[in-house]
Each structure stands twice: as structure tokens, then as C-alpha cells.
Amino acid sequence: MKRLLSPLLLLCTLLALTVLAAGADSRPLSITLEGAPLDIPEAYITPEGVTMVPLRALSEALGFHVSWDSASRTASISLEAPEPPAAEAEEEVLSGLVVLDPGHGGSANGAAYGGVAEKDLNLAIASQAARLLEEAGLTVVMTRSDDRDIPLYRRSGLANSLGADLFVSVHCNASLTNPEARGVYTAAADRQSEGWVLAEVLRQTMMDAAGAEDMGTEPRPNLAVLRTAQVPAALVECGYMSTPAELALLAAPDYQLQLAHGIAEGVVTYLAQSR
């Protein structure tokens, strides 16, 4: 047999030999390749006089490389050594502490249109965002999980005392001058803060998740929850309750979930970028 024998021909020949091996006994024999002896103790001759040599041993003696896939039970013969499989990248485990602040609550209804109170929308959206973030591996603390009054300074103060990785205050918007206003708006204390980076990320991910329009990001140092936060802090306005079409969306559970996905995605994206 010549060294130039193709892998396909070699494979076909050896497979044919394997079929003829049924019921063969095992007797030692010596094998030479181009005059050089081969150490293949597993080789034997069948009662019919057929020489049986293991696939790997003969292939490697001829200069080929053999690999075996146990899942598909496939032997592969090639002239070049197969590249070792790339090491699987370790899955990054997301960790962090997030404080979500459903705006208003208790006696503070926030905006109210069509019998819908902003405080209820804020809580519904923030609660679903909290669940999504916890499923992603983050620890989430809510400033309120029911309908109660929470002083403004206590909201950001909770994030400060816990040393949270970030703080997001969830609200819904209203306009007294534009009856057709709609879309996502975000705010941070100032443009130079990490809160501004967070607000910009949240605005984009919320628009993408909900298919909402863009109402921009603004610095709002007058807002106590942003001004007093000692951690990256942003406020999100999920839409305009003063616009009937958008109010209908904000009150719909499916749309609330889309907004929650946007908030969760923004938080995860920000944390990944900041590490």
C-alpha cells in the first residue's frame, strides 16, 4: 500500500475488512509497511485468511490522523491533524444590587387620567422589571411593593445605605401643553454623571422593547431622588398618560411587560458596560 492512498479509499477498504471479520478468531501476526515492521498487536487473520488491522493503527501508520465523535459514532480520517476544540468561554454570572423605585404611592397618586392613577402603573411596571432582573441573577430591592407613602429622601436614601450598584425611579408622564405627546423620557441629575449614562441606556432599551417614540434625556438636578442619590441614578417616564392612545397602552398588561423588559435590559446593559 502506498502513502498516497486517499483517506476515502482507505476508509472504504477498512470498512470492508471489518464486515468480513465476523466470527474470526484472534491469532498474533506480524505486519510490515514498505518493509518496516508495525507494532499492531490487535491485528489478526480470519479463518478465511483475511488480514484484519484496526482502523486507527493502519491509518496512523500511513500518515493520516483519526478522530472519533462518540455522539454520532463517526470516525474521521484526514491528512492534517484536526484543530483542538476551542475552550468554551465561561458564562459570565451577572451580579449586583439594584434599587427600583415605583414613583408616588399611598396618598400621592401622581398623574391621573381616565380613572387610572400613575402610582398603580409605576408599581405594575417596576414589579415586573424586578422579577426579570432577579431571573437574570441580580438582587433587587423595591422602595415600595404595595400602595404606600414613601418620603422622597427615603427612596434615594435606601439605595445609598445599601451601597446599590444603581437606582432607577419608575414613572409615567403627562403634558399640559401637548395633547399628542407620547414616548419614553429619561432623566439624570446632570450630564457628567454615571446616572446620565444609565438614563441614556435605559431610554434606548425601553424604546426598543416597547416600540415607543423618543422624548429624549434631560438633566434634572431639581428632582430629589436624582440629586441626593450617591449611586448611579436615573428616572424613567414610560409614556404620556395625558394622551389617550398612550394611556390605553400604559394600562395594558402586555405593554407594561414590554416596558419592564426594556428597563431590565437597560439595567443589565449598563452593568455589563460599567465593569
C-alpha atoms as a PDB file:
ATOM      1  CA  MET A   1       0.000   0.000   0.000  1.00  0.00           C
ATOM      2  CA  LYS A   2       1.332   3.428  -0.923  1.00  0.00           C
ATOM      3  CA  ARG A   3       1.408   6.518   1.265  1.00  0.00           C
ATOM      4  CA  LEU A   4      -0.595   8.384  -1.398  1.00  0.00           C
ATOM      5  CA  LEU A   5      -3.674   6.215  -0.773  1.00  0.00           C
ATOM      6  CA  SER A   6      -6.643   8.603  -0.365  1.00  0.00           C
ATOM      7  CA  PRO A   7      -8.434   8.734   3.022  1.00  0.00           C
ATOM      8  CA  LEU A   8     -11.727   7.814   1.346  1.00  0.00           C
ATOM      9  CA  LEU A   9     -10.266   4.728  -0.362  1.00  0.00           C
ATOM     10  CA  LEU A  10      -8.527   3.698   2.838  1.00  0.00           C
ATOM     11  CA  LEU A  11     -11.739   4.057   4.814  1.00  0.00           C
ATOM     12  CA  CYS A  12     -13.763   2.060   2.301  1.00  0.00           C
ATOM     13  CA  THR A  13     -11.137  -0.727   2.312  1.00  0.00           C
ATOM     14  CA  LEU A  14     -11.000  -0.948   6.082  1.00  0.00           C
ATOM     15  CA  LEU A  15     -14.769  -0.913   6.431  1.00  0.00           C
ATOM     16  CA  ALA A  16     -14.987  -3.795   4.000  1.00  0.00           C
ATOM     17  CA  LEU A  17     -12.409  -5.733   6.035  1.00  0.00           C
ATOM     18  CA  THR A  18     -14.442  -5.110   9.185  1.00  0.00           C
ATOM     19  CA  VAL A  19     -17.523  -6.721   7.641  1.00  0.00           C
ATOM     20  CA  LEU A  20     -15.512  -9.863   6.821  1.00  0.00           C
ATOM     21  CA  ALA A  21     -14.281 -10.159  10.396  1.00  0.00           C
ATOM     22  CA  ALA A  22     -17.432 -11.689  11.832  1.00  0.00           C
ATOM     23  CA  GLY A  23     -16.711 -14.790  13.844  1.00  0.00           C
ATOM     24  CA  ALA A  24     -12.953 -14.512  13.368  1.00  0.00           C
ATOM     25  CA  ASP A  25     -10.569 -15.926  15.925  1.00  0.00           C
ATOM     26  CA  SER A  26      -7.607 -13.971  17.229  1.00  0.00           C
ATOM     27  CA  ARG A  27      -4.076 -15.036  16.215  1.00  0.00           C
ATOM     28  CA  PRO A  28      -0.913 -12.954  16.516  1.00  0.00           C
ATOM     29  CA  LEU A  29       0.806 -11.964  13.304  1.00  0.00           C
ATOM     30  CA  SER A  30       3.473  -9.543  12.087  1.00  0.00           C
ATOM     31  CA  ILE A  31       2.734  -6.686   9.720  1.00  0.00           C
ATOM     32  CA  THR A  32       5.200  -4.610   7.732  1.00  0.00           C
ATOM     33  CA  LEU A  33       4.633  -1.383   5.815  1.00  0.00           C
ATOM     34  CA  GLU A  34       7.106  -0.778   2.983  1.00  0.00           C
ATOM     35  CA  GLY A  35       9.456  -3.185   4.702  1.00  0.00           C
ATOM     36  CA  ALA A  36       9.172  -1.569   8.126  1.00  0.00           C
ATOM     37  CA  PRO A  37       7.515  -3.661  10.863  1.00  0.00           C
ATOM     38  CA  LEU A  38       4.418  -2.229  12.536  1.00  0.00           C
ATOM     39  CA  ASP A  39       3.607  -2.863  16.185  1.00  0.00           C
ATOM     40  CA  ILE A  40      -0.109  -3.649  15.958  1.00  0.00           C
ATOM     41  CA  PRO A  41      -0.879  -6.398  18.481  1.00  0.00           C
ATOM     42  CA  GLU A  42      -4.613  -6.115  17.797  1.00  0.00           C
ATOM     43  CA  ALA A  43      -4.227  -7.311  14.170  1.00  0.00           C
ATOM     44  CA  TYR A  44      -5.340 -10.861  13.330  1.00  0.00           C
ATOM     45  CA  ILE A  45      -6.261 -13.188  10.461  1.00  0.00           C
ATOM     46  CA  THR A  46      -9.790 -14.518   9.990  1.00  0.00           C
ATOM     47  CA  PRO A  47     -10.470 -18.230   9.280  1.00  0.00           C
ATOM     48  CA  GLU A  48     -10.985 -17.166   5.666  1.00  0.00           C
ATOM     49  CA  GLY A  49      -7.434 -15.819   5.551  1.00  0.00           C
ATOM     50  CA  VAL A  50      -8.381 -12.129   5.623  1.00  0.00           C
ATOM     51  CA  THR A  51      -5.949  -9.863   7.487  1.00  0.00           C
ATOM     52  CA  MET A  52      -7.752  -7.551   9.930  1.00  0.00           C
ATOM     53  CA  VAL A  53      -5.973  -4.375  11.109  1.00  0.00           C
ATOM     54  CA  PRO A  54      -7.603  -1.715  13.363  1.00  0.00           C
ATOM     55  CA  LEU A  55      -8.643   1.447  11.523  1.00  0.00           C
ATOM     56  CA  ARG A  56      -6.678   3.847  13.724  1.00  0.00           C
ATOM     57  CA  ALA A  57      -3.496   1.800  13.745  1.00  0.00           C
ATOM     58  CA  LEU A  58      -3.278   1.406   9.975  1.00  0.00           C
ATOM     59  CA  SER A  59      -4.397   4.975   9.232  1.00  0.00           C
ATOM     60  CA  GLU A  60      -1.801   6.477  11.533  1.00  0.00           C
ATOM     61  CA  ALA A  61       0.870   4.157  10.134  1.00  0.00           C
ATOM     62  CA  LEU A  62       0.044   5.584   6.696  1.00  0.00           C
ATOM     63  CA  GLY A  63       0.423   9.135   7.996  1.00  0.00           C
ATOM     64  CA  PHE A  64      -3.224  10.011   8.453  1.00  0.00           C
ATOM     65  CA  HIS A  65      -4.968  11.423  11.521  1.00  0.00           C
ATOM     66  CA  VAL A  66      -8.019   9.756  13.021  1.00  0.00           C
ATOM     67  CA  SER A  67     -10.617  11.389  15.235  1.00  0.00           C
ATOM     68  CA  TRP A  68     -13.708   9.863  16.818  1.00  0.00           C
ATOM     69  CA  ASP A  69     -17.041  11.544  17.573  1.00  0.00           C
ATOM     70  CA  SER A  70     -18.750   9.420  20.206  1.00  0.00           C
ATOM     71  CA  ALA A  71     -22.036  11.304  19.908  1.00  0.00           C
ATOM     72  CA  SER A  72     -22.537  10.463  16.225  1.00  0.00           C
ATOM     73  CA  ARG A  73     -20.287   7.355  16.332  1.00  0.00           C
ATOM     74  CA  THR A  74     -18.252   8.682  13.414  1.00  0.00           C
ATOM     75  CA  ALA A  75     -14.580   8.048  12.662  1.00  0.00           C
ATOM     76  CA  SER A  76     -12.914  10.789  10.602  1.00  0.00           C
ATOM     77  CA  ILE A  77      -9.647  10.346   8.688  1.00  0.00           C
ATOM     78  CA  SER A  78      -7.699  13.370   7.486  1.00  0.00           C
ATOM     79  CA  LEU A  79      -4.258  14.273   6.202  1.00  0.00           C
ATOM     80  CA  GLU A  80      -3.942  17.158   8.663  1.00  0.00           C
ATOM     81  CA  ALA A  81      -4.352  16.971  12.395  1.00  0.00           C
ATOM     82  CA  PRO A  82      -7.722  18.391  13.470  1.00  0.00           C
ATOM     83  CA  GLU A  83      -7.607  21.601  15.447  1.00  0.00           C
ATOM     84  CA  PRO A  84      -8.342  21.112  19.127  1.00  0.00           C
ATOM     85  CA  PRO A  85     -11.799  22.362  20.065  1.00  0.00           C
ATOM     86  CA  ALA A  86     -11.803  25.920  21.329  1.00  0.00           C
ATOM     87  CA  ALA A  87     -12.268  26.147  25.049  1.00  0.00           C
ATOM     88  CA  GLU A  88     -15.802  27.182  25.843  1.00  0.00           C
ATOM     89  CA  ALA A  89     -15.928  30.644  27.329  1.00  0.00           C
ATOM     90  CA  GLU A  90     -17.133  30.598  30.874  1.00  0.00           C
ATOM     91  CA  GLU A  91     -20.571  32.068  31.127  1.00  0.00           C
ATOM     92  CA  GLU A  92     -20.377  35.347  32.949  1.00  0.00           C
ATOM     93  CA  VAL A  93     -22.529  35.336  36.046  1.00  0.00           C
ATOM     94  CA  LEU A  94     -24.336  38.621  36.448  1.00  0.00           C
ATOM     95  CA  SER A  95     -24.374  40.027  39.955  1.00  0.00           C
ATOM     96  CA  GLY A  96     -25.271  43.301  41.578  1.00  0.00           C
ATOM     97  CA  LEU A  97     -27.748  45.145  43.766  1.00  0.00           C
ATOM     98  CA  VAL A  98     -30.409  47.254  42.070  1.00  0.00           C
ATOM     99  CA  VAL A  99     -32.922  49.528  43.781  1.00  0.00           C
ATOM    100  CA  LEU A 100     -36.143  50.122  41.833  1.00  0.00           C
ATOM    101  CA  ASP A 101     -38.391  52.960  42.927  1.00  0.00           C
ATOM    102  CA  PRO A 102     -42.051  52.842  41.806  1.00  0.00           C
ATOM    103  CA  GLY A 103     -42.878  56.556  41.880  1.00  0.00           C
ATOM    104  CA  HIS A 104     -45.583  58.024  44.176  1.00  0.00           C
ATOM    105  CA  GLY A 105     -47.843  55.720  46.230  1.00  0.00           C
ATOM    106  CA  GLY A 106     -50.332  55.997  49.065  1.00  0.00           C
ATOM    107  CA  SER A 107     -51.901  59.455  49.156  1.00  0.00           C
ATOM    108  CA  ALA A 108     -49.626  60.588  46.305  1.00  0.00           C
ATOM    109  CA  ASN A 109     -51.399  59.400  43.158  1.00  0.00           C
ATOM    110  CA  GLY A 110     -49.145  61.152  40.692  1.00  0.00           C
ATOM    111  CA  ALA A 111     -50.849  61.866  37.373  1.00  0.00           C
ATOM    112  CA  ALA A 112     -54.420  60.636  36.985  1.00  0.00           C
ATOM    113  CA  TYR A 113     -56.287  60.279  33.687  1.00  0.00           C
ATOM    114  CA  GLY A 114     -59.283  58.224  32.657  1.00  0.00           C
ATOM    115  CA  GLY A 115     -59.662  56.745  36.120  1.00  0.00           C
ATOM    116  CA  VAL A 116     -56.061  55.458  36.065  1.00  0.00           C
ATOM    117  CA  ALA A 117     -53.590  56.581  38.748  1.00  0.00           C
ATOM    118  CA  GLU A 118     -49.935  56.871  37.874  1.00  0.00           C
ATOM    119  CA  LYS A 119     -48.858  55.262  41.148  1.00  0.00           C
ATOM    120  CA  ASP A 120     -50.532  51.993  40.083  1.00  0.00           C
ATOM    121  CA  LEU A 121     -48.897  51.955  36.652  1.00  0.00           C
ATOM    122  CA  ASN A 122     -45.497  52.674  38.184  1.00  0.00           C
ATOM    123  CA  LEU A 123     -45.817  49.791  40.621  1.00  0.00           C
ATOM    124  CA  ALA A 124     -47.036  47.343  37.971  1.00  0.00           C
ATOM    125  CA  ILE A 125     -44.159  48.111  35.595  1.00  0.00           C
ATOM    126  CA  ALA A 126     -41.450  48.232  38.279  1.00  0.00           C
ATOM    127  CA  SER A 127     -42.610  44.958  39.856  1.00  0.00           C
ATOM    128  CA  GLN A 128     -42.291  43.125  36.558  1.00  0.00           C
ATOM    129  CA  ALA A 129     -38.889  44.684  35.902  1.00  0.00           C
ATOM    130  CA  ALA A 130     -37.778  43.496  39.353  1.00  0.00           C
ATOM    131  CA  ARG A 131     -38.857  39.939  38.560  1.00  0.00           C
ATOM    132  CA  LEU A 132     -36.954  39.963  35.256  1.00  0.00           C
ATOM    133  CA  LEU A 133     -33.811  41.301  36.904  1.00  0.00           C
ATOM    134  CA  GLU A 134     -33.954  38.679  39.636  1.00  0.00           C
ATOM    135  CA  GLU A 135     -34.295  35.989  36.975  1.00  0.00           C
ATOM    136  CA  ALA A 136     -31.114  37.435  35.432  1.00  0.00           C
ATOM    137  CA  GLY A 137     -29.276  36.876  38.728  1.00  0.00           C
ATOM    138  CA  LEU A 138     -29.417  40.356  40.226  1.00  0.00           C
ATOM    139  CA  THR A 139     -30.568  41.287  43.720  1.00  0.00           C
ATOM    140  CA  VAL A 140     -33.436  43.777  43.566  1.00  0.00           C
ATOM    141  CA  VAL A 141     -34.813  45.941  46.370  1.00  0.00           C
ATOM    142  CA  MET A 142     -38.042  47.903  45.806  1.00  0.00           C
ATOM    143  CA  THR A 143     -38.664  51.141  47.660  1.00  0.00           C
ATOM    144  CA  ARG A 144     -42.284  50.013  47.869  1.00  0.00           C
ATOM    145  CA  SER A 145     -44.042  46.805  46.857  1.00  0.00           C
ATOM    146  CA  ASP A 146     -47.562  47.993  47.628  1.00  0.00           C
ATOM    147  CA  ASP A 147     -49.620  51.203  47.752  1.00  0.00           C
ATOM    148  CA  ARG A 148     -47.968  53.262  50.476  1.00  0.00           C
ATOM    149  CA  ASP A 149     -46.417  56.686  51.025  1.00  0.00           C
ATOM    150  CA  ILE A 150     -42.627  56.769  50.832  1.00  0.00           C
ATOM    151  CA  PRO A 151     -40.819  60.075  51.533  1.00  0.00           C
ATOM    152  CA  LEU A 152     -38.675  61.233  48.607  1.00  0.00           C
ATOM    153  CA  TYR A 153     -35.399  61.272  50.513  1.00  0.00           C
ATOM    154  CA  ARG A 154     -36.002  57.806  51.883  1.00  0.00           C
ATOM    155  CA  ARG A 155     -36.172  56.443  48.308  1.00  0.00           C
ATOM    156  CA  SER A 156     -32.690  57.507  47.246  1.00  0.00           C
ATOM    157  CA  GLY A 157     -31.523  57.071  50.861  1.00  0.00           C
ATOM    158  CA  LEU A 158     -32.320  53.350  50.628  1.00  0.00           C
ATOM    159  CA  ALA A 159     -30.024  52.975  47.623  1.00  0.00           C
ATOM    160  CA  ASN A 160     -27.311  54.973  49.395  1.00  0.00           C
ATOM    161  CA  SER A 161     -27.482  52.961  52.606  1.00  0.00           C
ATOM    162  CA  LEU A 162     -27.368  49.652  50.744  1.00  0.00           C
ATOM    163  CA  GLY A 163     -24.492  50.722  48.521  1.00  0.00           C
ATOM    164  CA  ALA A 164     -26.566  49.741  45.489  1.00  0.00           C
ATOM    165  CA  ASP A 165     -24.994  49.449  42.053  1.00  0.00           C
ATOM    166  CA  LEU A 166     -27.704  51.705  40.658  1.00  0.00           C
ATOM    167  CA  PHE A 167     -31.084  53.305  41.331  1.00  0.00           C
ATOM    168  CA  VAL A 168     -33.985  53.626  38.882  1.00  0.00           C
ATOM    169  CA  SER A 169     -37.152  55.585  39.648  1.00  0.00           C
ATOM    170  CA  VAL A 170     -40.107  54.477  37.507  1.00  0.00           C
ATOM    171  CA  HIS A 171     -42.809  56.973  36.496  1.00  0.00           C
ATOM    172  CA  CYS A 172     -45.378  57.765  33.820  1.00  0.00           C
ATOM    173  CA  ASN A 173     -45.551  61.184  32.190  1.00  0.00           C
ATOM    174  CA  ALA A 174     -48.185  63.820  31.383  1.00  0.00           C
ATOM    175  CA  SER A 175     -48.219  67.014  29.329  1.00  0.00           C
ATOM    176  CA  LEU A 176     -50.469  70.017  29.862  1.00  0.00           C
ATOM    177  CA  THR A 177     -49.432  71.626  26.569  1.00  0.00           C
ATOM    178  CA  ASN A 178     -49.125  68.795  24.053  1.00  0.00           C
ATOM    179  CA  PRO A 179     -52.217  66.552  23.794  1.00  0.00           C
ATOM    180  CA  GLU A 180     -50.381  64.233  21.388  1.00  0.00           C
ATOM    181  CA  ALA A 181     -47.178  63.789  23.390  1.00  0.00           C
ATOM    182  CA  ARG A 182     -46.009  60.181  23.541  1.00  0.00           C
ATOM    183  CA  GLY A 183     -42.840  58.213  24.074  1.00  0.00           C
ATOM    184  CA  VAL A 184     -40.112  57.387  26.573  1.00  0.00           C
ATOM    185  CA  TYR A 185     -38.339  60.132  28.501  1.00  0.00           C
ATOM    186  CA  THR A 186     -35.430  59.701  30.928  1.00  0.00           C
ATOM    187  CA  ALA A 187     -33.566  62.000  33.293  1.00  0.00           C
ATOM    188  CA  ALA A 188     -30.434  62.156  35.416  1.00  0.00           C
ATOM    189  CA  ALA A 189     -29.031  64.714  37.826  1.00  0.00           C
ATOM    190  CA  ASP A 190     -26.508  66.059  35.298  1.00  0.00           C
ATOM    191  CA  ARG A 191     -24.805  65.209  32.022  1.00  0.00           C
ATOM    192  CA  GLN A 192     -21.451  64.395  33.623  1.00  0.00           C
ATOM    193  CA  SER A 193     -22.786  61.751  35.987  1.00  0.00           C
ATOM    194  CA  GLU A 194     -22.913  57.981  35.644  1.00  0.00           C
ATOM    195  CA  GLY A 195     -26.640  58.444  36.058  1.00  0.00           C
ATOM    196  CA  TRP A 196     -26.686  60.160  32.670  1.00  0.00           C
ATOM    197  CA  VAL A 197     -25.065  57.127  31.057  1.00  0.00           C
ATOM    198  CA  LEU A 198     -27.640  54.909  32.758  1.00  0.00           C
ATOM    199  CA  ALA A 199     -30.521  57.157  31.649  1.00  0.00           C
ATOM    200  CA  GLU A 200     -29.361  57.115  28.026  1.00  0.00           C
ATOM    201  CA  VAL A 201     -29.061  53.319  28.010  1.00  0.00           C
ATOM    202  CA  LEU A 202     -32.497  52.901  29.590  1.00  0.00           C
ATOM    203  CA  ARG A 203     -34.148  55.245  27.107  1.00  0.00           C
ATOM    204  CA  GLN A 204     -32.794  53.244  24.177  1.00  0.00           C
ATOM    205  CA  THR A 205     -33.606  49.792  25.555  1.00  0.00           C
ATOM    206  CA  MET A 206     -37.119  50.854  26.586  1.00  0.00           C
ATOM    207  CA  MET A 207     -37.845  52.301  23.152  1.00  0.00           C
ATOM    208  CA  ASP A 208     -36.553  49.146  21.503  1.00  0.00           C
ATOM    209  CA  ALA A 209     -38.531  46.799  23.757  1.00  0.00           C
ATOM    210  CA  ALA A 210     -41.842  48.676  23.574  1.00  0.00           C
ATOM    211  CA  GLY A 211     -41.579  50.216  20.111  1.00  0.00           C
ATOM    212  CA  ALA A 212     -42.032  53.593  21.796  1.00  0.00           C
ATOM    213  CA  GLU A 213     -41.161  57.018  20.480  1.00  0.00           C
ATOM    214  CA  ASP A 214     -38.214  59.074  21.723  1.00  0.00           C
ATOM    215  CA  MET A 215     -38.768  62.005  24.090  1.00  0.00           C
ATOM    216  CA  GLY A 216     -35.097  62.382  24.968  1.00  0.00           C
ATOM    217  CA  THR A 217     -32.992  62.575  28.105  1.00  0.00           C
ATOM    218  CA  GLU A 218     -32.624  65.710  30.240  1.00  0.00           C
ATOM    219  CA  PRO A 219     -30.596  66.781  33.273  1.00  0.00           C
ATOM    220  CA  ARG A 220     -32.978  67.245  36.230  1.00  0.00           C
ATOM    221  CA  PRO A 221     -30.960  68.305  39.303  1.00  0.00           C
ATOM    222  CA  ASN A 222     -34.189  69.613  40.857  1.00  0.00           C
ATOM    223  CA  LEU A 223     -35.538  66.073  41.366  1.00  0.00           C
ATOM    224  CA  ALA A 224     -34.719  64.964  44.902  1.00  0.00           C
ATOM    225  CA  VAL A 225     -34.378  61.246  44.080  1.00  0.00           C
ATOM    226  CA  LEU A 226     -31.704  62.071  41.497  1.00  0.00           C
ATOM    227  CA  ARG A 227     -29.949  64.922  43.276  1.00  0.00           C
ATOM    228  CA  THR A 228     -29.479  63.059  46.556  1.00  0.00           C
ATOM    229  CA  ALA A 229     -28.533  59.667  45.130  1.00  0.00           C
ATOM    230  CA  GLN A 230     -24.934  58.698  45.806  1.00  0.00           C
ATOM    231  CA  VAL A 231     -25.094  55.853  43.284  1.00  0.00           C
ATOM    232  CA  PRO A 232     -25.772  55.986  39.504  1.00  0.00           C
ATOM    233  CA  ALA A 233     -29.405  57.097  39.373  1.00  0.00           C
ATOM    234  CA  ALA A 234     -31.915  57.639  36.582  1.00  0.00           C
ATOM    235  CA  LEU A 235     -35.612  58.397  36.316  1.00  0.00           C
ATOM    236  CA  VAL A 236     -37.686  56.871  33.513  1.00  0.00           C
ATOM    237  CA  GLU A 237     -41.028  58.170  32.257  1.00  0.00           C
ATOM    238  CA  CYS A 238     -42.698  55.227  30.495  1.00  0.00           C
ATOM    239  CA  GLY A 239     -45.220  57.218  28.451  1.00  0.00           C
ATOM    240  CA  TYR A 240     -47.798  60.006  28.483  1.00  0.00           C
ATOM    241  CA  MET A 241     -50.978  59.357  30.411  1.00  0.00           C
ATOM    242  CA  SER A 242     -52.367  62.645  29.071  1.00  0.00           C
ATOM    243  CA  THR A 243     -52.505  61.198  25.541  1.00  0.00           C
ATOM    244  CA  PRO A 244     -55.499  58.806  25.387  1.00  0.00           C
ATOM    245  CA  ALA A 245     -53.911  56.393  22.910  1.00  0.00           C
ATOM    246  CA  GLU A 246     -50.775  56.065  25.006  1.00  0.00           C
ATOM    247  CA  LEU A 247     -52.759  55.813  28.249  1.00  0.00           C
ATOM    248  CA  ALA A 248     -54.537  52.788  26.766  1.00  0.00           C
ATOM    249  CA  LEU A 249     -51.154  51.210  26.090  1.00  0.00           C
ATOM    250  CA  LEU A 250     -49.787  52.004  29.551  1.00  0.00           C
ATOM    251  CA  ALA A 251     -52.815  50.357  31.166  1.00  0.00           C
ATOM    252  CA  ALA A 252     -52.396  47.180  29.087  1.00  0.00           C
ATOM    253  CA  PRO A 253     -50.505  44.352  30.888  1.00  0.00           C
ATOM    254  CA  ASP A 254     -48.709  43.272  27.684  1.00  0.00           C
ATOM    255  CA  TYR A 255     -47.330  46.771  27.109  1.00  0.00           C
ATOM    256  CA  GLN A 256     -46.344  47.076  30.772  1.00  0.00           C
ATOM    257  CA  LEU A 257     -44.337  43.874  30.358  1.00  0.00           C
ATOM    258  CA  GLN A 258     -42.605  45.264  27.270  1.00  0.00           C
ATOM    259  CA  LEU A 259     -41.599  48.361  29.210  1.00  0.00           C
ATOM    260  CA  ALA A 260     -40.407  46.172  32.089  1.00  0.00           C
ATOM    261  CA  HIS A 261     -38.267  44.199  29.659  1.00  0.00           C
ATOM    262  CA  GLY A 262     -36.807  47.483  28.433  1.00  0.00           C
ATOM    263  CA  ILE A 263     -35.933  48.591  31.960  1.00  0.00           C
ATOM    264  CA  ALA A 264     -34.395  45.218  32.820  1.00  0.00           C
ATOM    265  CA  GLU A 265     -32.408  45.157  29.586  1.00  0.00           C
ATOM    266  CA  GLY A 266     -31.141  48.665  30.240  1.00  0.00           C
ATOM    267  CA  VAL A 267     -30.000  47.796  33.741  1.00  0.00           C
ATOM    268  CA  VAL A 268     -28.222  44.641  32.567  1.00  0.00           C
ATOM    269  CA  THR A 269     -26.587  46.505  29.668  1.00  0.00           C
ATOM    270  CA  TYR A 270     -25.393  49.328  31.904  1.00  0.00           C
ATOM    271  CA  LEU A 271     -23.927  46.922  34.479  1.00  0.00           C
ATOM    272  CA  ALA A 272     -22.149  44.945  31.768  1.00  0.00           C
ATOM    273  CA  GLN A 273     -20.661  48.105  30.262  1.00  0.00           C
ATOM    274  CA  SER A 274     -19.546  49.552  33.574  1.00  0.00           C
ATOM    275  CA  ARG A 275     -17.499  46.515  34.612  1.00  0.00           C
END
